[in-house]
Protein backbone atom coordinates (compact mmCIF):
# COMPACT_ATOMS: atom_id res chain seq x y z
CA MET A 1 58.23 22.13 76.61
CA THR A 2 58.27 18.25 76.68
CA TYR A 3 57.84 16.94 80.00
CA LEU A 4 60.71 14.65 81.27
CA ALA A 5 60.00 12.63 84.58
CA ALA A 6 62.77 12.96 87.07
CA PRO A 7 65.44 10.11 86.93
CA HIS A 8 65.55 9.34 90.69
CA ARG A 9 61.50 9.56 91.30
CA TYR A 10 61.59 6.29 92.90
CA ASP A 11 64.51 6.56 95.03
CA ALA A 12 62.81 8.05 98.46
CA LEU A 13 59.31 7.37 98.68
CA PRO A 14 58.47 4.23 100.34
CA TYR A 15 55.86 1.62 98.91
CA ARG A 16 53.36 -0.33 100.78
CA ARG A 17 51.63 -3.67 99.95
CA VAL A 18 47.92 -3.39 99.32
CA GLY A 19 46.56 -6.08 101.66
CA ARG A 20 47.29 -9.63 100.31
CA SER A 21 47.54 -8.37 96.70
CA GLY A 22 50.39 -8.14 94.37
CA LEU A 23 49.92 -4.31 94.31
CA VAL A 24 51.88 -1.81 95.84
CA LEU A 25 51.03 1.99 96.26
CA PRO A 26 53.25 4.95 97.15
CA ALA A 27 52.59 5.74 101.18
CA ILE A 28 51.12 9.04 99.72
CA SER A 29 49.20 9.41 96.83
CA LEU A 30 47.47 12.55 95.06
CA GLY A 31 43.70 13.09 95.01
CA LEU A 32 42.07 15.07 92.39
CA TRP A 33 38.78 16.20 94.19
CA HIS A 34 39.38 19.69 94.37
CA ASN A 35 41.77 21.99 92.21
CA PHE A 36 41.33 19.77 89.10
CA GLY A 37 37.92 21.44 87.37
CA ASP A 38 37.62 24.16 85.31
CA THR A 39 37.98 26.74 88.05
CA THR A 40 41.82 26.04 88.09
CA SER A 41 43.65 26.86 85.13
CA ILE A 42 45.33 23.98 82.90
CA ALA A 43 48.88 25.66 83.73
CA THR A 44 48.18 25.02 87.47
CA GLN A 45 46.77 21.54 87.24
CA ARG A 46 49.96 20.61 84.93
CA GLN A 47 52.37 22.06 87.68
CA LEU A 48 50.57 20.21 90.23
CA LEU A 49 50.68 16.98 88.36
CA ARG A 50 54.48 17.37 87.42
CA THR A 51 55.34 18.09 90.68
CA ALA A 52 53.43 15.05 92.04
CA PHE A 53 54.96 12.60 89.71
CA ASP A 54 58.31 13.24 90.35
CA LEU A 55 57.37 12.20 93.95
CA VAL A 56 54.08 9.80 93.57
CA ASN A 57 52.86 7.88 90.87
CA HIS A 58 49.12 7.36 92.08
CA PHE A 59 46.55 9.90 90.85
CA ASP A 60 42.86 9.15 92.37
CA LEU A 61 39.99 10.66 90.78
CA ALA A 62 36.05 10.07 90.33
CA ASN A 63 33.39 10.92 87.66
CA ASN A 64 31.93 13.71 89.53
CA TYR A 65 35.20 15.47 90.58
CA GLY A 66 35.25 19.24 89.25
CA PRO A 67 33.55 21.33 89.27
CA PRO A 68 31.68 21.07 87.25
CA TYR A 69 31.07 17.18 87.14
CA GLY A 70 33.66 15.31 85.01
CA SER A 71 36.05 18.25 84.42
CA ALA A 72 38.73 16.51 86.50
CA GLU A 73 38.72 13.57 84.71
CA THR A 74 38.67 15.58 81.22
CA ASN A 75 41.38 17.91 82.29
CA PHE A 76 43.77 15.00 83.73
CA GLY A 77 43.06 13.16 80.69
CA ARG A 78 44.27 15.94 78.48
CA ILE A 79 47.50 16.39 80.57
CA LEU A 80 47.86 12.63 80.65
CA ARG A 81 48.00 12.44 76.89
CA GLU A 82 50.17 15.68 76.55
CA ASP A 83 52.72 14.94 79.26
CA PHE A 84 52.64 11.19 80.64
CA LYS A 85 51.44 9.34 77.78
CA HIS A 86 54.69 7.23 77.95
CA TYR A 87 54.69 6.83 81.53
CA ARG A 88 51.33 5.25 81.58
CA ASP A 89 52.71 1.91 82.73
CA GLU A 90 54.22 3.55 85.79
CA LEU A 91 50.80 5.27 87.06
CA ILE A 92 48.19 4.01 88.96
CA ILE A 93 44.82 5.75 88.06
CA SER A 94 41.85 5.21 89.70
CA SER A 95 38.08 6.45 89.35
CA LYS A 96 34.74 5.93 91.01
CA ALA A 97 31.14 6.11 90.56
CA GLY A 98 28.50 6.43 93.09
CA TRP A 99 27.33 10.04 93.56
CA ASP A 100 24.83 12.23 91.65
CA MET A 101 26.48 12.70 88.14
CA TRP A 102 23.88 13.51 85.22
CA PRO A 103 20.33 14.52 85.24
CA GLY A 104 17.41 11.97 85.26
CA PRO A 105 16.88 8.66 87.34
CA TYR A 106 19.93 6.86 85.96
CA GLY A 107 22.25 9.67 86.87
CA LYS A 108 21.27 10.56 90.37
CA GLY A 109 23.94 7.90 91.49
CA GLY A 110 24.11 4.92 93.65
CA GLY A 111 25.26 0.87 92.77
CA SER A 112 23.01 0.15 89.94
CA ARG A 113 24.19 -1.81 87.03
CA LYS A 114 23.39 0.68 84.50
CA TYR A 115 24.57 3.61 86.41
CA VAL A 116 27.95 2.02 87.34
CA LEU A 117 28.73 0.54 84.27
CA ALA A 118 27.55 3.81 82.23
CA SER A 119 29.59 6.04 84.52
CA LEU A 120 32.90 3.79 83.91
CA ASP A 121 32.59 4.08 80.20
CA GLN A 122 32.03 8.07 80.58
CA SER A 123 35.05 8.15 82.80
CA LEU A 124 37.27 6.09 80.36
CA GLN A 125 36.03 8.40 77.56
CA ARG A 126 37.01 11.69 79.54
CA LEU A 127 40.25 10.21 80.53
CA GLY A 128 41.21 9.02 77.21
CA LEU A 129 42.18 5.69 78.40
CA ASP A 130 41.06 1.79 77.76
CA TYR A 131 41.12 1.04 81.41
CA VAL A 132 41.67 2.32 84.92
CA ASP A 133 43.80 0.55 87.36
CA ILE A 134 41.38 0.83 89.99
CA PHE A 135 37.63 1.19 89.99
CA TYR A 136 35.61 1.99 93.14
CA SER A 137 32.01 1.88 94.24
CA HIS A 138 31.88 5.34 95.62
CA ARG A 139 29.33 4.71 97.99
CA PHE A 140 27.13 1.96 99.60
CA ASP A 141 23.65 2.50 97.88
CA PRO A 142 20.91 1.15 100.44
CA ASP A 143 18.32 0.94 97.57
CA THR A 144 20.06 -1.43 95.10
CA PRO A 145 20.94 -4.97 95.98
CA LEU A 146 24.42 -5.39 96.67
CA GLU A 147 24.70 -8.34 94.44
CA GLU A 148 23.94 -6.08 91.61
CA THR A 149 26.62 -3.56 92.61
CA ALA A 150 29.12 -6.51 92.95
CA SER A 151 28.15 -8.04 89.58
CA ALA A 152 28.67 -4.72 87.72
CA LEU A 153 32.09 -4.27 89.65
CA ALA A 154 32.92 -7.63 88.36
CA GLN A 155 31.97 -7.14 84.92
CA ALA A 156 34.17 -4.21 84.76
CA VAL A 157 36.87 -6.63 85.61
CA GLN A 158 35.90 -9.06 83.03
CA GLN A 159 35.75 -6.66 80.30
CA GLY A 160 39.28 -5.47 81.00
CA LYS A 161 38.16 -1.84 81.80
CA ALA A 162 39.51 -1.85 85.36
CA LEU A 163 42.45 -4.18 86.78
CA TYR A 164 41.20 -4.15 90.60
CA ILE A 165 38.02 -3.10 92.45
CA GLY A 166 37.61 -0.87 95.63
CA ILE A 167 35.12 0.59 97.57
CA SER A 168 34.54 3.89 99.43
CA SER A 169 32.80 4.72 102.57
CA TYR A 170 31.16 1.29 103.06
CA SER A 171 30.80 0.01 106.75
CA ALA A 172 32.69 -2.79 107.95
CA GLY A 173 29.89 -5.25 107.73
CA LYS A 174 28.95 -4.30 104.00
CA THR A 175 32.54 -4.41 103.02
CA ARG A 176 32.45 -7.93 104.36
CA GLU A 177 29.40 -8.67 102.34
CA ILE A 178 30.54 -7.27 98.93
CA ALA A 179 33.95 -8.90 99.06
CA ALA A 180 31.89 -12.27 99.67
CA LEU A 181 29.80 -11.44 96.56
CA LEU A 182 32.83 -10.38 94.50
CA ARG A 183 34.56 -13.78 95.49
CA GLU A 184 31.66 -15.43 93.71
CA TRP A 185 32.98 -13.84 90.70
CA LYS A 186 36.55 -14.70 91.25
CA VAL A 187 37.26 -10.76 91.56
CA PRO A 188 39.04 -10.12 95.01
CA LEU A 189 38.20 -6.65 96.76
CA LEU A 190 41.51 -5.04 96.42
CA ILE A 191 41.02 -1.63 98.76
CA HIS A 192 38.67 0.40 100.60
CA GLN A 193 38.81 4.22 100.87
CA PRO A 194 37.58 5.62 103.88
CA ALA A 195 37.61 9.14 105.42
CA TYR A 196 40.28 9.00 108.23
CA ASN A 197 42.03 11.52 110.25
CA LEU A 198 42.96 12.77 113.67
CA PHE A 199 39.33 14.20 114.10
CA ASN A 200 37.53 11.19 112.35
CA ARG A 201 38.85 7.75 113.77
CA TRP A 202 35.70 5.84 112.64
CA ILE A 203 37.48 3.04 110.98
CA GLU A 204 39.29 2.26 114.22
CA LYS A 205 36.28 0.38 115.42
CA ASP A 206 35.90 -2.36 113.04
CA LEU A 207 36.61 -1.43 109.52
CA LEU A 208 40.22 -1.95 109.90
CA ASN A 209 39.78 -5.32 111.38
CA ALA A 210 37.41 -6.29 108.71
CA THR A 211 40.04 -5.26 105.69
CA ASP A 212 42.59 -7.06 107.51
CA GLU A 213 40.41 -10.25 107.55
CA LEU A 214 39.62 -9.96 103.77
CA GLY A 215 42.99 -9.17 102.65
CA ALA A 216 42.22 -5.73 101.40
CA GLY A 217 44.13 -2.50 101.84
CA VAL A 218 43.00 0.85 102.91
CA ILE A 219 43.62 4.37 101.55
CA ALA A 220 42.66 7.25 103.66
CA PHE A 221 41.15 10.18 102.31
CA THR A 222 41.01 13.50 103.97
CA PRO A 223 43.99 12.67 106.34
CA LEU A 224 44.30 16.55 106.70
CA ALA A 225 40.37 16.76 107.22
CA GLN A 226 40.33 19.15 104.34
CA GLY A 227 43.11 21.66 105.35
CA LEU A 228 41.91 21.76 108.97
CA LEU A 229 44.95 19.78 109.99
CA THR A 230 47.12 22.24 108.29
CA ASP A 231 48.43 25.40 109.65
CA LYS A 232 45.84 27.27 107.05
CA TYR A 233 43.00 27.82 109.71
CA LEU A 234 44.95 28.21 113.07
CA ASN A 235 44.80 31.88 113.17
CA GLY A 236 41.46 32.51 111.10
CA ILE A 237 40.18 32.02 107.76
CA PRO A 238 42.52 33.10 104.95
CA ASP A 239 40.65 34.78 101.95
CA ASP A 240 42.01 32.25 99.57
CA ALA A 241 40.51 29.43 101.70
CA ARG A 242 38.73 26.28 100.10
CA ILE A 243 35.48 27.51 101.97
CA ASN A 244 35.47 30.71 99.89
CA ARG A 245 35.97 29.10 96.58
CA PRO A 246 33.69 27.45 93.87
CA GLY A 247 33.36 23.91 94.85
CA GLY A 248 34.75 24.51 98.20
CA GLY A 249 31.14 23.68 100.21
CA SER A 250 32.53 20.59 101.50
CA LEU A 251 34.52 21.96 104.19
CA LYS A 252 31.78 23.78 106.26
CA GLN A 253 31.91 26.36 108.70
CA GLU A 254 30.81 24.23 111.70
CA HIS A 255 34.13 22.00 110.90
CA LEU A 256 36.11 25.19 111.72
CA SER A 257 34.70 25.23 115.29
CA GLN A 258 36.46 26.88 118.10
CA ALA A 259 37.08 23.34 119.57
CA ASN A 260 38.35 22.01 116.42
CA VAL A 261 40.78 24.78 116.01
CA GLU A 262 42.06 24.64 119.63
CA ARG A 263 42.94 20.98 119.12
CA ALA A 264 44.47 21.73 116.06
CA ARG A 265 46.46 24.13 117.66
CA ALA A 266 47.77 21.83 120.51
CA LEU A 267 48.55 19.24 117.65
CA ASN A 268 50.58 21.88 116.08
CA GLU A 269 52.60 22.21 119.19
CA ILE A 270 53.34 18.47 119.17
CA ALA A 271 54.39 18.75 115.33
CA ARG A 272 56.55 21.52 116.15
CA ARG A 273 58.59 20.01 118.83
CA ARG A 274 59.27 16.90 116.50
CA GLY A 275 60.46 19.44 113.84
CA GLN A 276 57.41 19.05 111.61
CA SER A 277 54.49 20.75 110.08
CA LEU A 278 50.88 19.93 111.57
CA ALA A 279 50.15 18.61 108.01
CA GLN A 280 53.25 16.15 108.21
CA LEU A 281 52.40 15.15 111.65
CA ALA A 282 48.62 14.17 110.54
CA LEU A 283 50.12 12.29 107.76
CA THR A 284 52.63 10.63 109.85
CA TRP A 285 49.87 9.27 112.55
CA THR A 286 47.61 8.25 109.50
CA LEU A 287 50.48 6.17 108.22
CA ARG A 288 51.28 4.74 111.51
CA ASP A 289 49.18 1.72 111.21
CA PRO A 290 50.59 -0.82 108.63
CA ARG A 291 47.07 -1.61 107.24
CA VAL A 292 46.96 1.81 105.86
CA SER A 293 48.27 1.20 102.43
CA SER A 294 48.33 5.02 101.52
CA ALA A 295 47.07 8.48 102.48
CA LEU A 296 45.59 10.37 99.94
CA ILE A 297 46.39 14.26 99.70
CA GLY A 298 45.02 16.89 97.70
CA ALA A 299 46.94 20.33 96.86
CA SER A 300 46.74 23.61 95.50
CA ARG A 301 50.21 24.33 95.35
CA PRO A 302 53.37 22.47 94.42
CA GLU A 303 54.75 23.10 97.84
CA GLN A 304 52.34 21.33 99.66
CA ILE A 305 52.75 18.11 97.71
CA VAL A 306 56.64 18.61 98.32
CA ASP A 307 55.83 19.37 102.04
CA ASN A 308 53.71 16.37 102.53
CA VAL A 309 55.65 13.84 101.25
CA ALA A 310 58.54 15.10 103.36
CA ALA A 311 56.51 13.69 106.37
CA LEU A 312 57.81 10.24 105.34
CA ALA A 313 61.27 11.35 106.17
CA HIS A 314 60.55 11.92 109.89
CA ALA A 315 60.81 9.41 112.60
CA PRO A 316 57.83 7.17 113.57
CA LEU A 317 55.62 8.65 116.55
CA SER A 318 56.79 7.14 119.91
CA ALA A 319 54.29 5.83 122.47
CA ASP A 320 54.55 8.77 124.34
CA GLU A 321 53.92 10.96 121.57
CA LEU A 322 50.64 8.75 120.69
CA ALA A 323 49.22 9.15 124.12
CA GLU A 324 49.61 12.97 123.88
CA ILE A 325 47.88 13.15 120.44
CA ASP A 326 45.20 10.68 121.76
CA LYS A 327 44.09 13.83 124.03
CA TYR A 328 43.38 15.86 121.01
CA ALA A 329 42.75 13.47 118.31
CA VAL A 330 38.94 13.05 119.11
CA GLU A 331 35.68 13.15 117.05
CA GLY A 332 35.38 16.82 115.34
CA GLY A 333 32.23 16.49 113.28
CA VAL A 334 33.89 16.57 110.16
CA ASN A 335 32.67 13.05 108.64
CA LEU A 336 30.67 14.39 105.71
CA TRP A 337 30.13 10.12 104.33
CA GLU A 338 29.09 9.04 107.94
CA LYS A 339 25.39 8.03 106.28
CA PRO A 340 27.04 5.53 103.86
CA SER A 341 29.51 4.20 106.16
CA THR A 342 26.49 3.51 108.31
CA ASP A 343 24.54 1.94 105.70
CA PHE A 344 22.55 4.84 104.58
CA ALA A 345 22.86 7.04 101.57
């Protein structure tokens, strides 16, 4: 059946300015890190994307999303072609390059010109696009001069293969450095994509200050700590949990420590008093800072997308609520991207 987007799809969701750029993003965006590889049926993926498009218009990918690597872009490209082709100019589509992707020394990831530009060309081929809206350096590479990475990213813009440039999991210092290098090419740094949630607050130390100084936006990934900040694990690990599925190794057993689960239960009580789900509370908290342009969610069921977007209809957190949340919003050992964000890969 031919897909027709909901006529009132822009009526409810708020949009936020991305730093000092001309671009706005929906306050909640959909990431395709999980559930869009070949282990998920195309029918399920289509249902998720159709549900999402009627609520948000930003889809975030990377070259190695799957499993297997590349399959999320291939599958999204197919559904884009079959369902969303006529809506392309309403969409923000992003991709990234930085982690291991193909065999041999040139595919191991990083920030070399060879890897970055080859990855972008491969991504565009899988997606069936001439350009992506945002192209990210997916991680800082200590083995490549930052000047080389910046020049490759700038070339992507100059060639018309990307409209904007972003970075992910860079420290505040390296964020400032690459922004300065990009400016030499007259290409602004649009956005930073860091891990950020109630159990992983590293960006509050200096990164938010850095992006604010630079006029760049922030889009937070893992705002739900890969499901830990939902009701899924409050009473044990269900059989269908990501940790039990192919490609789900990013959620580790130690993340589900007794201390983390107990704090999640306490936060769930605060959410309940507000008439929210735990996931909605986590998103409301992540978006409390206006410097955060968007929160990047994942989903395995359409209902999750609807529930997450509904967080935006709830009242902002009060000072008393924020103070109570702070008792439980402490480091939970869930930051898998700590090494690149501290200048080591």
